[in-house]
Amino acid sequence: MNDMASYSLVRVRCDAMKCGKITKISNAKAIHGLRPQKWSGTKYVFCNGEDEVPMVNDGKILDAPEKYVNFYTAINTDEMTVAW
């Protein structure tokens, strides 16, 4: 389950319908979609950033939106850590 407002990914335990683990995805403004890898033995979920943002947000390229990027992040679902 993704939380678009706080750019985090939540693993829900279906046996108890409780939050199992929360992972924050840094540098992303919001997470729009979650995509599981199609290979059957996968342990990754891919998260698509919703809006383009500056890669280095130090205020130098705020007037150059053509230099903004969109983040695409892989989450290891076993450990709930950012893989890349």
Protein backbone atom coordinates (compact mmCIF):
# COMPACT_ATOMS: atom_id res chain seq x y z
CA MET A 1 0.00 0.00 0.00
CA ASN A 2 1.39 3.41 -0.81
CA ASP A 3 0.89 6.72 0.94
CA MET A 4 1.05 9.46 -1.68
CA ALA A 5 1.11 12.30 0.82
CA SER A 6 4.16 11.16 2.78
CA TYR A 7 6.05 9.23 0.04
CA SER A 8 6.11 5.96 1.95
CA LEU A 9 5.33 2.33 1.23
CA VAL A 10 3.53 0.15 3.77
CA ARG A 11 3.52 -3.64 4.00
CA VAL A 12 0.21 -4.84 5.44
CA ARG A 13 -0.10 -8.17 7.25
CA CYS A 14 -3.24 -9.71 5.81
CA ASP A 15 -3.65 -12.20 8.67
CA ALA A 16 -4.14 -9.39 11.19
CA MET A 17 -4.89 -6.45 8.84
CA LYS A 18 -2.15 -4.44 10.54
CA CYS A 19 0.86 -2.52 9.32
CA GLY A 20 3.86 -4.81 9.15
CA LYS A 21 6.52 -2.31 8.10
CA ILE A 22 6.74 1.26 6.74
CA THR A 23 9.48 2.38 4.36
CA LYS A 24 10.11 6.02 3.47
CA ILE A 25 11.27 6.69 -0.08
CA SER A 26 13.64 9.64 -0.03
CA ASN A 27 13.81 12.40 -2.67
CA ALA A 28 10.40 11.54 -4.12
CA LYS A 29 7.63 14.11 -3.95
CA ALA A 30 4.87 11.47 -4.04
CA ILE A 31 4.56 7.82 -5.05
CA HIS A 32 1.92 7.34 -7.73
CA GLY A 33 1.96 3.64 -8.58
CA LEU A 34 3.27 0.31 -7.37
CA ARG A 35 4.33 -2.37 -9.82
CA PRO A 36 5.35 -5.90 -8.78
CA GLN A 37 8.02 -7.53 -10.92
CA LYS A 38 6.42 -10.05 -13.31
CA TRP A 39 8.93 -12.81 -12.66
CA SER A 40 7.40 -15.36 -10.28
CA GLY A 41 10.24 -15.50 -7.73
CA THR A 42 10.56 -11.77 -7.30
CA LYS A 43 11.13 -9.85 -4.12
CA TYR A 44 10.88 -6.34 -5.56
CA VAL A 45 8.09 -3.81 -5.92
CA PHE A 46 8.73 -0.81 -8.16
CA CYS A 47 7.45 2.61 -7.11
CA ASN A 48 6.79 5.37 -9.61
CA GLY A 49 7.25 8.96 -8.56
CA GLU A 50 4.24 11.13 -9.33
CA ASP A 51 5.77 14.55 -9.96
CA GLU A 52 9.07 15.67 -11.41
CA VAL A 53 11.41 17.33 -8.91
CA PRO A 54 14.99 18.60 -8.97
CA MET A 55 17.50 15.78 -8.34
CA VAL A 56 19.58 18.07 -6.14
CA ASN A 57 17.04 20.33 -4.50
CA ASP A 58 19.33 23.18 -3.49
CA GLY A 59 17.33 25.93 -5.19
CA LYS A 60 19.71 26.47 -8.13
CA ILE A 61 17.48 25.09 -10.92
CA LEU A 62 14.02 26.01 -9.65
CA ASP A 63 13.42 28.10 -12.78
CA ALA A 64 14.52 25.29 -15.14
CA PRO A 65 11.82 22.59 -14.99
CA GLU A 66 13.32 20.85 -18.05
CA LYS A 67 16.10 19.65 -15.70
CA TYR A 68 13.66 18.06 -13.25
CA VAL A 69 13.48 14.25 -13.04
CA ASN A 70 10.99 11.62 -11.96
CA PHE A 71 12.07 8.94 -9.47
CA TYR A 72 11.61 5.22 -10.07
CA THR A 73 12.53 3.18 -6.99
CA ALA A 74 12.82 -0.56 -6.29
CA ILE A 75 11.84 -1.83 -2.83
CA ASN A 76 13.02 -5.18 -1.47
CA THR A 77 9.78 -6.62 -0.08
CA ASP A 78 11.45 -9.10 2.27
CA GLU A 79 13.43 -6.47 4.15
CA MET A 80 11.30 -3.43 3.15
CA THR A 81 14.42 -1.46 2.19
CA VAL A 82 15.23 0.63 -0.86
CA ALA A 83 17.15 -1.62 -3.27
CA TRP A 84 17.92 1.16 -5.80
